Amino acid sequence: KAGVPVAEYSFPPNKIANIQSQLERVIEKNYHLHRSSRDAYRSYMHAYAAHSHKDCFDVHKLDLAQVAKSFGFAAPPKVELNLKHTPRNKKGTKGVKGKIGAETTGH
């Protein structure tokens, strides 16, 4: 759709180590890693929400559990994003602040 070439690589499963549980444990136990990971998660969500191509980058359609795993969390952390939701109507109502979390997106 966007004309961006995609290169796909295959790796033998026996050559890939599953370190997800170890990553989650170390981030859970180390305060500084946990805080840095949470800040990175929040920044990623902000950047995703602010992207100009809303048809491709809809923050409300993200699988937050999978995004959280990529930052080393077993479950999505609760972070305040202060995203403005702008409804598309003719009256031009002002946006409202909102939270993005597992409970608000259904994931």
PDB file of N, CA and C in Angstrom:
ATOM      1  N   LYS A   1       0.826  -1.192   0.000  1.00  0.00           N
ATOM      2  CA  LYS A   1       0.000   0.000   0.000  1.00  0.00           C
ATOM      3  C   LYS A   1       0.872   1.258   0.000  1.00  0.00           C
ATOM      4  N   ALA A   2       1.885   1.286   0.856  1.00  0.00           N
ATOM      5  CA  ALA A   2       2.736   2.472   0.954  1.00  0.00           C
ATOM      6  C   ALA A   2       3.940   2.390   0.028  1.00  0.00           C
ATOM      7  N   GLY A   3       4.162   1.249  -0.607  1.00  0.00           N
ATOM      8  CA  GLY A   3       5.268   1.114  -1.535  1.00  0.00           C
ATOM      9  C   GLY A   3       6.618   0.934  -0.867  1.00  0.00           C
ATOM     10  N   VAL A   4       6.618   0.472   0.373  1.00  0.00           N
ATOM     11  CA  VAL A   4       7.866   0.257   1.105  1.00  0.00           C
ATOM     12  C   VAL A   4       8.270  -1.204   0.942  1.00  0.00           C
ATOM     13  N   PRO A   5       9.482  -1.453   0.416  1.00  0.00           N
ATOM     14  CA  PRO A   5       9.901  -2.847   0.254  1.00  0.00           C
ATOM     15  C   PRO A   5      10.151  -3.498   1.615  1.00  0.00           C
ATOM     16  N   VAL A   6       9.750  -4.750   1.732  1.00  0.00           N
ATOM     17  CA  VAL A   6       9.913  -5.490   2.972  1.00  0.00           C
ATOM     18  C   VAL A   6      10.819  -6.681   2.716  1.00  0.00           C
ATOM     19  N   ALA A   7      11.856  -6.800   3.525  1.00  0.00           N
ATOM     20  CA  ALA A   7      12.753  -7.952   3.431  1.00  0.00           C
ATOM     21  C   ALA A   7      12.429  -8.888   4.590  1.00  0.00           C
ATOM     22  N   GLU A   8      12.175 -10.137   4.271  1.00  0.00           N
ATOM     23  CA  GLU A   8      11.834 -11.114   5.298  1.00  0.00           C
ATOM     24  C   GLU A   8      12.956 -12.138   5.391  1.00  0.00           C
ATOM     25  N   TYR A   9      13.348 -12.432   6.616  1.00  0.00           N
ATOM     26  CA  TYR A   9      14.422 -13.383   6.848  1.00  0.00           C
ATOM     27  C   TYR A   9      13.903 -14.562   7.654  1.00  0.00           C
ATOM     28  N   SER A  10      14.431 -15.723   7.378  1.00  0.00           N
ATOM     29  CA  SER A  10      14.060 -16.924   8.122  1.00  0.00           C
ATOM     30  C   SER A  10      15.270 -17.416   8.899  1.00  0.00           C
ATOM     31  N   PHE A  11      15.030 -17.795  10.133  1.00  0.00           N
ATOM     32  CA  PHE A  11      16.077 -18.352  10.979  1.00  0.00           C
ATOM     33  C   PHE A  11      15.622 -19.700  11.502  1.00  0.00           C
ATOM     34  N   PRO A  12      16.540 -20.650  11.588  1.00  0.00           N
ATOM     35  CA  PRO A  12      16.169 -21.952  12.146  1.00  0.00           C
ATOM     36  C   PRO A  12      15.760 -21.790  13.617  1.00  0.00           C
ATOM     37  N   PRO A  13      14.632 -22.371  14.017  1.00  0.00           N
ATOM     38  CA  PRO A  13      14.159 -22.226  15.405  1.00  0.00           C
ATOM     39  C   PRO A  13      15.181 -22.667  16.455  1.00  0.00           C
ATOM     40  N   ASN A  14      16.010 -23.662  16.132  1.00  0.00           N
ATOM     41  CA  ASN A  14      16.993 -24.126  17.116  1.00  0.00           C
ATOM     42  C   ASN A  14      18.151 -23.145  17.315  1.00  0.00           C
ATOM     43  N   LYS A  15      18.235 -22.126  16.468  1.00  0.00           N
ATOM     44  CA  LYS A  15      19.288 -21.113  16.592  1.00  0.00           C
ATOM     45  C   LYS A  15      18.811 -19.871  17.357  1.00  0.00           C
ATOM     46  N   ILE A  16      17.535 -19.842  17.726  1.00  0.00           N
ATOM     47  CA  ILE A  16      16.966 -18.680  18.406  1.00  0.00           C
ATOM     48  C   ILE A  16      16.691 -19.029  19.864  1.00  0.00           C
ATOM     49  N   ALA A  17      17.298 -18.268  20.765  1.00  0.00           N
ATOM     50  CA  ALA A  17      17.089 -18.494  22.193  1.00  0.00           C
ATOM     51  C   ALA A  17      15.880 -17.703  22.669  1.00  0.00           C
ATOM     52  N   ASN A  18      15.031 -18.339  23.475  1.00  0.00           N
ATOM     53  CA  ASN A  18      13.871 -17.660  24.033  1.00  0.00           C
ATOM     54  C   ASN A  18      14.270 -17.065  25.386  1.00  0.00           C
ATOM     55  N   ILE A  19      14.494 -15.766  25.399  1.00  0.00           N
ATOM     56  CA  ILE A  19      14.944 -15.101  26.618  1.00  0.00           C
ATOM     57  C   ILE A  19      13.874 -14.166  27.200  1.00  0.00           C
ATOM     58  N   GLN A  20      12.644 -14.261  26.684  1.00  0.00           N
ATOM     59  CA  GLN A  20      11.580 -13.346  27.114  1.00  0.00           C
ATOM     60  C   GLN A  20      11.352 -13.404  28.625  1.00  0.00           C
ATOM     61  N   SER A  21      11.244 -14.591  29.186  1.00  0.00           N
ATOM     62  CA  SER A  21      10.970 -14.708  30.627  1.00  0.00           C
ATOM     63  C   SER A  21      12.132 -14.160  31.457  1.00  0.00           C
ATOM     64  N   GLN A  22      13.359 -14.374  30.999  1.00  0.00           N
ATOM     65  CA  GLN A  22      14.525 -13.833  31.709  1.00  0.00           C
ATOM     66  C   GLN A  22      14.531 -12.308  31.646  1.00  0.00           C
ATOM     67  N   LEU A  23      14.181 -11.757  30.482  1.00  0.00           N
ATOM     68  CA  LEU A  23      14.118 -10.315  30.311  1.00  0.00           C
ATOM     69  C   LEU A  23      13.052  -9.713  31.231  1.00  0.00           C
ATOM     70  N   GLU A  24      11.886 -10.344  31.281  1.00  0.00           N
ATOM     71  CA  GLU A  24      10.807  -9.854  32.139  1.00  0.00           C
ATOM     72  C   GLU A  24      11.215  -9.885  33.609  1.00  0.00           C
ATOM     73  N   ARG A  25      11.900 -10.947  34.021  1.00  0.00           N
ATOM     74  CA  ARG A  25      12.335 -11.063  35.426  1.00  0.00           C
ATOM     75  C   ARG A  25      13.345  -9.988  35.799  1.00  0.00           C
ATOM     76  N   VAL A  26      14.324  -9.754  34.947  1.00  0.00           N
ATOM     77  CA  VAL A  26      15.362  -8.776  35.273  1.00  0.00           C
ATOM     78  C   VAL A  26      14.793  -7.365  35.280  1.00  0.00           C
ATOM     79  N   ILE A  27      13.871  -7.067  34.393  1.00  0.00           N
ATOM     80  CA  ILE A  27      13.252  -5.737  34.377  1.00  0.00           C
ATOM     81  C   ILE A  27      12.339  -5.550  35.578  1.00  0.00           C
ATOM     82  N   GLU A  28      11.678  -6.624  35.994  1.00  0.00           N
ATOM     83  CA  GLU A  28      10.804  -6.555  37.173  1.00  0.00           C
ATOM     84  C   GLU A  28      11.607  -6.317  38.453  1.00  0.00           C
ATOM     85  N   LYS A  29      12.795  -6.893  38.537  1.00  0.00           N
ATOM     86  CA  LYS A  29      13.591  -6.817  39.767  1.00  0.00           C
ATOM     87  C   LYS A  29      14.484  -5.587  39.863  1.00  0.00           C
ATOM     88  N   ASN A  30      14.859  -5.009  38.742  1.00  0.00           N
ATOM     89  CA  ASN A  30      15.782  -3.871  38.751  1.00  0.00           C
ATOM     90  C   ASN A  30      15.002  -2.573  38.549  1.00  0.00           C
ATOM     91  N   TYR A  31      14.999  -1.729  39.575  1.00  0.00           N
ATOM     92  CA  TYR A  31      14.231  -0.491  39.551  1.00  0.00           C
ATOM     93  C   TYR A  31      14.580   0.385  38.349  1.00  0.00           C
ATOM     94  N   HIS A  32      15.858   0.596  38.103  1.00  0.00           N
ATOM     95  CA  HIS A  32      16.288   1.496  37.032  1.00  0.00           C
ATOM     96  C   HIS A  32      15.921   0.942  35.652  1.00  0.00           C
ATOM     97  N   LEU A  33      16.081  -0.361  35.470  1.00  0.00           N
ATOM     98  CA  LEU A  33      15.671  -0.962  34.193  1.00  0.00           C
ATOM     99  C   LEU A  33      14.159  -0.873  34.011  1.00  0.00           C
ATOM    100  N   HIS A  34      13.423  -1.108  35.097  1.00  0.00           N
ATOM    101  CA  HIS A  34      11.968  -1.050  35.034  1.00  0.00           C
ATOM    102  C   HIS A  34      11.508   0.355  34.656  1.00  0.00           C
ATOM    103  N   ARG A  35      12.081   1.339  35.306  1.00  0.00           N
ATOM    104  CA  ARG A  35      11.703   2.726  35.026  1.00  0.00           C
ATOM    105  C   ARG A  35      12.076   3.121  33.594  1.00  0.00           C
ATOM    106  N   SER A  36      13.276   2.748  33.167  1.00  0.00           N
ATOM    107  CA  SER A  36      13.706   3.072  31.801  1.00  0.00           C
ATOM    108  C   SER A  36      12.824   2.387  30.763  1.00  0.00           C
ATOM    109  N   SER A  37      12.474   1.142  31.029  1.00  0.00           N
ATOM    110  CA  SER A  37      11.624   0.393  30.110  1.00  0.00           C
ATOM    111  C   SER A  37      10.224   1.006  30.052  1.00  0.00           C
ATOM    112  N   ARG A  38       9.687   1.407  31.202  1.00  0.00           N
ATOM    113  CA  ARG A  38       8.368   2.044  31.244  1.00  0.00           C
ATOM    114  C   ARG A  38       8.392   3.381  30.488  1.00  0.00           C
ATOM    115  N   ASP A  39       9.462   4.156  30.675  1.00  0.00           N
ATOM    116  CA  ASP A  39       9.588   5.432  29.970  1.00  0.00           C
ATOM    117  C   ASP A  39       9.688   5.212  28.457  1.00  0.00           C
ATOM    118  N   ALA A  40      10.427   4.184  28.059  1.00  0.00           N
ATOM    119  CA  ALA A  40      10.555   3.865  26.634  1.00  0.00           C
ATOM    120  C   ALA A  40       9.209   3.424  26.066  1.00  0.00           C
ATOM    121  N   TYR A  41       8.462   2.625  26.825  1.00  0.00           N
ATOM    122  CA  TYR A  41       7.127   2.179  26.420  1.00  0.00           C
ATOM    123  C   TYR A  41       6.213   3.392  26.214  1.00  0.00           C
ATOM    124  N   ARG A  42       6.223   4.316  27.172  1.00  0.00           N
ATOM    125  CA  ARG A  42       5.388   5.513  27.086  1.00  0.00           C
ATOM    126  C   ARG A  42       5.798   6.354  25.862  1.00  0.00           C
ATOM    127  N   SER A  43       7.097   6.522  25.644  1.00  0.00           N
ATOM    128  CA  SER A  43       7.571   7.294  24.484  1.00  0.00           C
ATOM    129  C   SER A  43       7.159   6.651  23.173  1.00  0.00           C
ATOM    130  N   TYR A  44       7.238   5.334  23.113  1.00  0.00           N
ATOM    131  CA  TYR A  44       6.824   4.605  21.917  1.00  0.00           C
ATOM    132  C   TYR A  44       5.338   4.837  21.650  1.00  0.00           C
ATOM    133  N   MET A  45       4.527   4.745  22.703  1.00  0.00           N
ATOM    134  CA  MET A  45       3.085   4.934  22.549  1.00  0.00           C
ATOM    135  C   MET A  45       2.772   6.366  22.104  1.00  0.00           C
ATOM    136  N   HIS A  46       3.478   7.334  22.660  1.00  0.00           N
ATOM    137  CA  HIS A  46       3.290   8.726  22.245  1.00  0.00           C
ATOM    138  C   HIS A  46       3.641   8.902  20.769  1.00  0.00           C
ATOM    139  N   ALA A  47       4.781   8.373  20.365  1.00  0.00           N
ATOM    140  CA  ALA A  47       5.223   8.499  18.978  1.00  0.00           C
ATOM    141  C   ALA A  47       4.242   7.808  18.032  1.00  0.00           C
ATOM    142  N   TYR A  48       3.767   6.642  18.424  1.00  0.00           N
ATOM    143  CA  TYR A  48       2.815   5.889  17.599  1.00  0.00           C
ATOM    144  C   TYR A  48       1.521   6.681  17.442  1.00  0.00           C
ATOM    145  N   ALA A  49       1.052   7.250  18.549  1.00  0.00           N
ATOM    146  CA  ALA A  49      -0.198   8.014  18.527  1.00  0.00           C
ATOM    147  C   ALA A  49      -0.057   9.306  17.732  1.00  0.00           C
ATOM    148  N   ALA A  50       1.142   9.876  17.710  1.00  0.00           N
ATOM    149  CA  ALA A  50       1.365  11.154  17.035  1.00  0.00           C
ATOM    150  C   ALA A  50       1.689  11.000  15.552  1.00  0.00           C
ATOM    151  N   HIS A  51       1.820   9.775  15.082  1.00  0.00           N
ATOM    152  CA  HIS A  51       2.186   9.550  13.690  1.00  0.00           C
ATOM    153  C   HIS A  51       1.133  10.120  12.757  1.00  0.00           C
ATOM    154  N   SER A  52       1.573  10.679  11.647  1.00  0.00           N
ATOM    155  CA  SER A  52       0.646  11.349  10.729  1.00  0.00           C
ATOM    156  C   SER A  52      -0.201  10.379   9.906  1.00  0.00           C
ATOM    157  N   HIS A  53       0.235   9.140   9.754  1.00  0.00           N
ATOM    158  CA  HIS A  53      -0.522   8.153   8.974  1.00  0.00           C
ATOM    159  C   HIS A  53      -1.440   7.362   9.896  1.00  0.00           C
ATOM    160  N   LYS A  54      -2.522   7.977  10.318  1.00  0.00           N
ATOM    161  CA  LYS A  54      -3.444   7.369  11.281  1.00  0.00           C
ATOM    162  C   LYS A  54      -4.102   6.101  10.744  1.00  0.00           C
ATOM    163  N   ASP A  55      -4.217   5.977   9.427  1.00  0.00           N
ATOM    164  CA  ASP A  55      -4.830   4.773   8.877  1.00  0.00           C
ATOM    165  C   ASP A  55      -3.943   3.544   9.106  1.00  0.00           C
ATOM    166  N   CYS A  56      -2.643   3.734   9.184  1.00  0.00           N
ATOM    167  CA  CYS A  56      -1.707   2.634   9.454  1.00  0.00           C
ATOM    168  C   CYS A  56      -1.331   2.545  10.925  1.00  0.00           C
ATOM    169  N   PHE A  57      -1.208   3.684  11.566  1.00  0.00           N
ATOM    170  CA  PHE A  57      -0.713   3.749  12.936  1.00  0.00           C
ATOM    171  C   PHE A  57      -1.812   4.201  13.895  1.00  0.00           C
ATOM    172  N   ASP A  58      -2.804   3.348  14.104  1.00  0.00           N
ATOM    173  CA  ASP A  58      -3.902   3.649  15.024  1.00  0.00           C
ATOM    174  C   ASP A  58      -3.563   3.042  16.376  1.00  0.00           C
ATOM    175  N   VAL A  59      -3.259   3.911  17.340  1.00  0.00           N
ATOM    176  CA  VAL A  59      -2.825   3.460  18.662  1.00  0.00           C
ATOM    177  C   VAL A  59      -3.891   2.614  19.354  1.00  0.00           C
ATOM    178  N   HIS A  60      -5.152   2.816  19.008  1.00  0.00           N
ATOM    179  CA  HIS A  60      -6.230   2.072  19.650  1.00  0.00           C
ATOM    180  C   HIS A  60      -6.379   0.656  19.103  1.00  0.00           C
ATOM    181  N   LYS A  61      -5.685   0.360  18.010  1.00  0.00           N
ATOM    182  CA  LYS A  61      -5.733  -0.989  17.451  1.00  0.00           C
ATOM    183  C   LYS A  61      -4.499  -1.815  17.811  1.00  0.00           C
ATOM    184  N   LEU A  62      -3.593  -1.236  18.588  1.00  0.00           N
ATOM    185  CA  LEU A  62      -2.388  -1.959  18.991  1.00  0.00           C
ATOM    186  C   LEU A  62      -2.714  -3.087  19.956  1.00  0.00           C
ATOM    187  N   ASP A  63      -1.973  -4.158  19.855  1.00  0.00           N
ATOM    188  CA  ASP A  63      -2.050  -5.236  20.842  1.00  0.00           C
ATOM    189  C   ASP A  63      -1.079  -4.851  21.955  1.00  0.00           C
ATOM    190  N   LEU A  64      -1.610  -4.219  22.990  1.00  0.00           N
ATOM    191  CA  LEU A  64      -0.762  -3.671  24.052  1.00  0.00           C
ATOM    192  C   LEU A  64       0.034  -4.742  24.786  1.00  0.00           C
ATOM    193  N   ALA A  65      -0.505  -5.948  24.901  1.00  0.00           N
ATOM    194  CA  ALA A  65       0.228  -7.027  25.557  1.00  0.00           C
ATOM    195  C   ALA A  65       1.505  -7.356  24.778  1.00  0.00           C
ATOM    196  N   GLN A  66       1.403  -7.388  23.457  1.00  0.00           N
ATOM    197  CA  GLN A  66       2.574  -7.685  22.631  1.00  0.00           C
ATOM    198  C   GLN A  66       3.571  -6.531  22.642  1.00  0.00           C
ATOM    199  N   VAL A  67       3.075  -5.295  22.612  1.00  0.00           N
ATOM    200  CA  VAL A  67       3.967  -4.137  22.690  1.00  0.00           C
ATOM    201  C   VAL A  67       4.702  -4.153  24.030  1.00  0.00           C
ATOM    202  N   ALA A  68       3.969  -4.430  25.101  1.00  0.00           N
ATOM    203  CA  ALA A  68       4.575  -4.480  26.439  1.00  0.00           C
ATOM    204  C   ALA A  68       5.656  -5.554  26.508  1.00  0.00           C
ATOM    205  N   LYS A  69       5.407  -6.708  25.912  1.00  0.00           N
ATOM    206  CA  LYS A  69       6.409  -7.783  25.905  1.00  0.00           C
ATOM    207  C   LYS A  69       7.694  -7.337  25.220  1.00  0.00           C
ATOM    208  N   SER A  70       7.562  -6.530  24.177  1.00  0.00           N
ATOM    209  CA  SER A  70       8.758  -6.077  23.469  1.00  0.00           C
ATOM    210  C   SER A  70       9.603  -5.132  24.317  1.00  0.00           C
ATOM    211  N   PHE A  71       9.000  -4.557  25.353  1.00  0.00           N
ATOM    212  CA  PHE A  71       9.734  -3.695  26.285  1.00  0.00           C
ATOM    213  C   PHE A  71      10.089  -4.427  27.573  1.00  0.00           C
ATOM    214  N   GLY A  72       9.834  -5.730  27.617  1.00  0.00           N
ATOM    215  CA  GLY A  72      10.232  -6.541  28.754  1.00  0.00           C
ATOM    216  C   GLY A  72       9.219  -6.632  29.873  1.00  0.00           C
ATOM    217  N   PHE A  73       7.960  -6.361  29.590  1.00  0.00           N
ATOM    218  CA  PHE A  73       6.912  -6.447  30.602  1.00  0.00           C
ATOM    219  C   PHE A  73       6.038  -7.666  30.342  1.00  0.00           C
ATOM    220  N   ALA A  74       5.614  -8.321  31.425  1.00  0.00           N
ATOM    221  CA  ALA A  74       4.699  -9.439  31.285  1.00  0.00           C
ATOM    222  C   ALA A  74       3.297  -8.940  30.958  1.00  0.00           C
ATOM    223  N   ALA A  75       2.955  -7.743  31.434  1.00  0.00           N
ATOM    224  CA  ALA A  75       1.658  -7.112  31.176  1.00  0.00           C
ATOM    225  C   ALA A  75       1.900  -5.633  30.883  1.00  0.00           C
ATOM    226  N   PRO A  76       1.004  -5.002  30.142  1.00  0.00           N
ATOM    227  CA  PRO A  76       1.199  -3.584  29.823  1.00  0.00           C
ATOM    228  C   PRO A  76       1.225  -2.723  31.086  1.00  0.00           C
ATOM    229  N   PRO A  77       2.235  -1.879  31.226  1.00  0.00           N
ATOM    230  CA  PRO A  77       2.264  -0.987  32.392  1.00  0.00           C
ATOM    231  C   PRO A  77       1.219   0.109  32.228  1.00  0.00           C
ATOM    232  N   LYS A  78       0.721   0.579  33.353  1.00  0.00           N
ATOM    233  CA  LYS A  78      -0.246   1.683  33.298  1.00  0.00           C
ATOM    234  C   LYS A  78       0.539   2.979  33.234  1.00  0.00           C
ATOM    235  N   VAL A  79       0.401   3.669  32.129  1.00  0.00           N
ATOM    236  CA  VAL A  79       1.093   4.946  31.950  1.00  0.00           C
ATOM    237  C   VAL A  79       0.082   5.992  31.514  1.00  0.00           C
ATOM    238  N   GLU A  80       0.276   7.194  31.970  1.00  0.00           N
ATOM    239  CA  GLU A  80      -0.578   8.318  31.587  1.00  0.00           C
ATOM    240  C   GLU A  80      -0.020   8.908  30.300  1.00  0.00           C
ATOM    241  N   LEU A  81      -0.833   8.896  29.252  1.00  0.00           N
ATOM    242  CA  LEU A  81      -0.370   9.389  27.966  1.00  0.00           C
ATOM    243  C   LEU A  81      -0.917  10.763  27.621  1.00  0.00           C
ATOM    244  N   ASN A  82      -2.044  11.131  28.196  1.00  0.00           N
ATOM    245  CA  ASN A  82      -2.689  12.406  27.876  1.00  0.00           C
ATOM    246  C   ASN A  82      -2.893  12.585  26.377  1.00  0.00           C
ATOM    247  N   LEU A  83      -3.378  11.533  25.737  1.00  0.00           N
ATOM    248  CA  LEU A  83      -3.682  11.612  24.311  1.00  0.00           C
ATOM    249  C   LEU A  83      -4.992  12.352  24.126  1.00  0.00           C
ATOM    250  N   LYS A  84      -5.048  13.151  23.112  1.00  0.00           N
ATOM    251  CA  LYS A  84      -6.287  13.862  22.821  1.00  0.00           C
ATOM    252  C   LYS A  84      -7.039  13.104  21.737  1.00  0.00           C
ATOM    253  N   HIS A  85      -8.257  12.746  22.062  1.00  0.00           N
ATOM    254  CA  HIS A  85      -9.112  12.068  21.097  1.00  0.00           C
ATOM    255  C   HIS A  85      -9.942  13.138  20.419  1.00  0.00           C
ATOM    256  N   THR A  86      -9.796  13.266  19.118  1.00  0.00           N
ATOM    257  CA  THR A  86     -10.552  14.281  18.401  1.00  0.00           C
ATOM    258  C   THR A  86     -11.618  13.603  17.566  1.00  0.00           C
ATOM    259  N   PRO A  87     -12.851  13.689  18.007  1.00  0.00           N
ATOM    260  CA  PRO A  87     -13.925  13.076  17.223  1.00  0.00           C
ATOM    261  C   PRO A  87     -14.107  13.807  15.902  1.00  0.00           C
ATOM    262  N   ARG A  88     -14.427  13.063  14.886  1.00  0.00           N
ATOM    263  CA  ARG A  88     -14.601  13.664  13.557  1.00  0.00           C
ATOM    264  C   ARG A  88     -16.074  13.972  13.335  1.00  0.00           C
ATOM    265  N   ASN A  89     -16.486  15.135  13.772  1.00  0.00           N
ATOM    266  CA  ASN A  89     -17.856  15.553  13.510  1.00  0.00           C
ATOM    267  C   ASN A  89     -17.850  16.980  12.999  1.00  0.00           C
ATOM    268  N   LYS A  90     -18.980  17.468  12.592  1.00  0.00           N
ATOM    269  CA  LYS A  90     -19.058  18.780  11.970  1.00  0.00           C
ATOM    270  C   LYS A  90     -18.993  19.925  12.969  1.00  0.00           C
ATOM    271  N   LYS A  91     -19.300  19.651  14.235  1.00  0.00           N
ATOM    272  CA  LYS A  91     -19.320  20.716  15.227  1.00  0.00           C
ATOM    273  C   LYS A  91     -17.935  21.112  15.699  1.00  0.00           C
ATOM    274  N   GLY A  92     -16.927  20.250  15.502  1.00  0.00           N
ATOM    275  CA  GLY A  92     -15.561  20.582  15.899  1.00  0.00           C
ATOM    276  C   GLY A  92     -15.375  20.633  17.400  1.00  0.00           C
ATOM    277  N   THR A  93     -15.852  19.616  18.100  1.00  0.00           N
ATOM    278  CA  THR A  93     -15.698  19.599  19.550  1.00  0.00           C
ATOM    279  C   THR A  93     -14.246  19.427  19.910  1.00  0.00           C
ATOM    280  N   LYS A  94     -13.872  19.922  21.068  1.00  0.00           N
ATOM    281  CA  LYS A  94     -12.490  19.809  21.527  1.00  0.00           C
ATOM    282  C   LYS A  94     -12.209  18.380  21.947  1.00  0.00           C
ATOM    283  N   GLY A  95     -10.941  17.975  21.833  1.00  0.00           N
ATOM    284  CA  GLY A  95     -10.538  16.634  22.231  1.00  0.00           C
ATOM    285  C   GLY A  95     -10.549  16.491  23.737  1.00  0.00           C
ATOM    286  N   VAL A  96     -10.577  15.250  24.181  1.00  0.00           N
ATOM    287  CA  VAL A  96     -10.527  14.972  25.610  1.00  0.00           C
ATOM    288  C   VAL A  96      -9.287  14.166  25.909  1.00  0.00           C
ATOM    289  N   LYS A  97      -8.765  14.348  27.093  1.00  0.00           N
ATOM    290  CA  LYS A  97      -7.584  13.589  27.484  1.00  0.00           C
ATOM    291  C   LYS A  97      -7.989  12.169  27.792  1.00  0.00           C
ATOM    292  N   GLY A  98      -7.099  11.220  27.504  1.00  0.00           N
ATOM    293  CA  GLY A  98      -7.429   9.840  27.774  1.00  0.00           C
ATOM    294  C   GLY A  98      -6.222   9.011  28.107  1.00  0.00           C
ATOM    295  N   LYS A  99      -6.478   7.855  28.676  1.00  0.00           N
ATOM    296  CA  LYS A  99      -5.428   6.907  29.011  1.00  0.00           C
ATOM    297  C   LYS A  99      -5.457   5.772  28.022  1.00  0.00           C
ATOM    298  N   ILE A 100      -4.300   5.245  27.747  1.00  0.00           N
ATOM    299  CA  ILE A 100      -4.212   4.034  26.947  1.00  0.00           C
ATOM    300  C   ILE A 100      -3.749   2.946  27.901  1.00  0.00           C
ATOM    301  N   GLY A 101      -4.533   1.936  28.000  1.00  0.00           N
ATOM    302  CA  GLY A 101      -4.198   0.818  28.866  1.00  0.00           C
ATOM    303  C   GLY A 101      -4.952  -0.397  28.392  1.00  0.00           C
ATOM    304  N   ALA A 102      -4.649  -1.517  28.970  1.00  0.00           N
ATOM    305  CA  ALA A 102      -5.306  -2.748  28.564  1.00  0.00           C
ATOM    306  C   ALA A 102      -6.811  -2.655  28.756  1.00  0.00           C
ATOM    307  N   GLU A 103      -7.244  -1.918  29.786  1.00  0.00           N
ATOM    308  CA  GLU A 103      -8.667  -1.831  30.063  1.00  0.00           C
ATOM    309  C   GLU A 103      -9.405  -0.922  29.092  1.00  0.00           C
ATOM    310  N   THR A 104      -8.742   0.003  28.430  1.00  0.00           N
ATOM    311  CA  THR A 104      -9.431   0.938  27.545  1.00  0.00           C
ATOM    312  C   THR A 104      -9.477   0.470  26.108  1.00  0.00           C
ATOM    313  N   THR A 105      -8.590  -0.434  25.711  1.00  0.00           N
ATOM    314  CA  THR A 105      -8.578  -0.849  24.309  1.00  0.00           C
ATOM    315  C   THR A 105      -9.146  -2.233  24.100  1.00  0.00           C
ATOM    316  N   GLY A 106      -9.435  -2.935  25.172  1.00  0.00           N
ATOM    317  CA  GLY A 106      -9.996  -4.269  25.035  1.00  0.00           C
ATOM    318  C   GLY A 106      -8.938  -5.336  24.812  1.00  0.00           C
ATOM    319  N   HIS A 107      -7.672  -5.005  24.956  1.00  0.00           N
ATOM    320  CA  HIS A 107      -6.595  -5.997  24.786  1.00  0.00           C
ATOM    321  C   HIS A 107      -6.054  -6.390  26.118  1.00  0.00           C
TER     322      HIS A 107
END
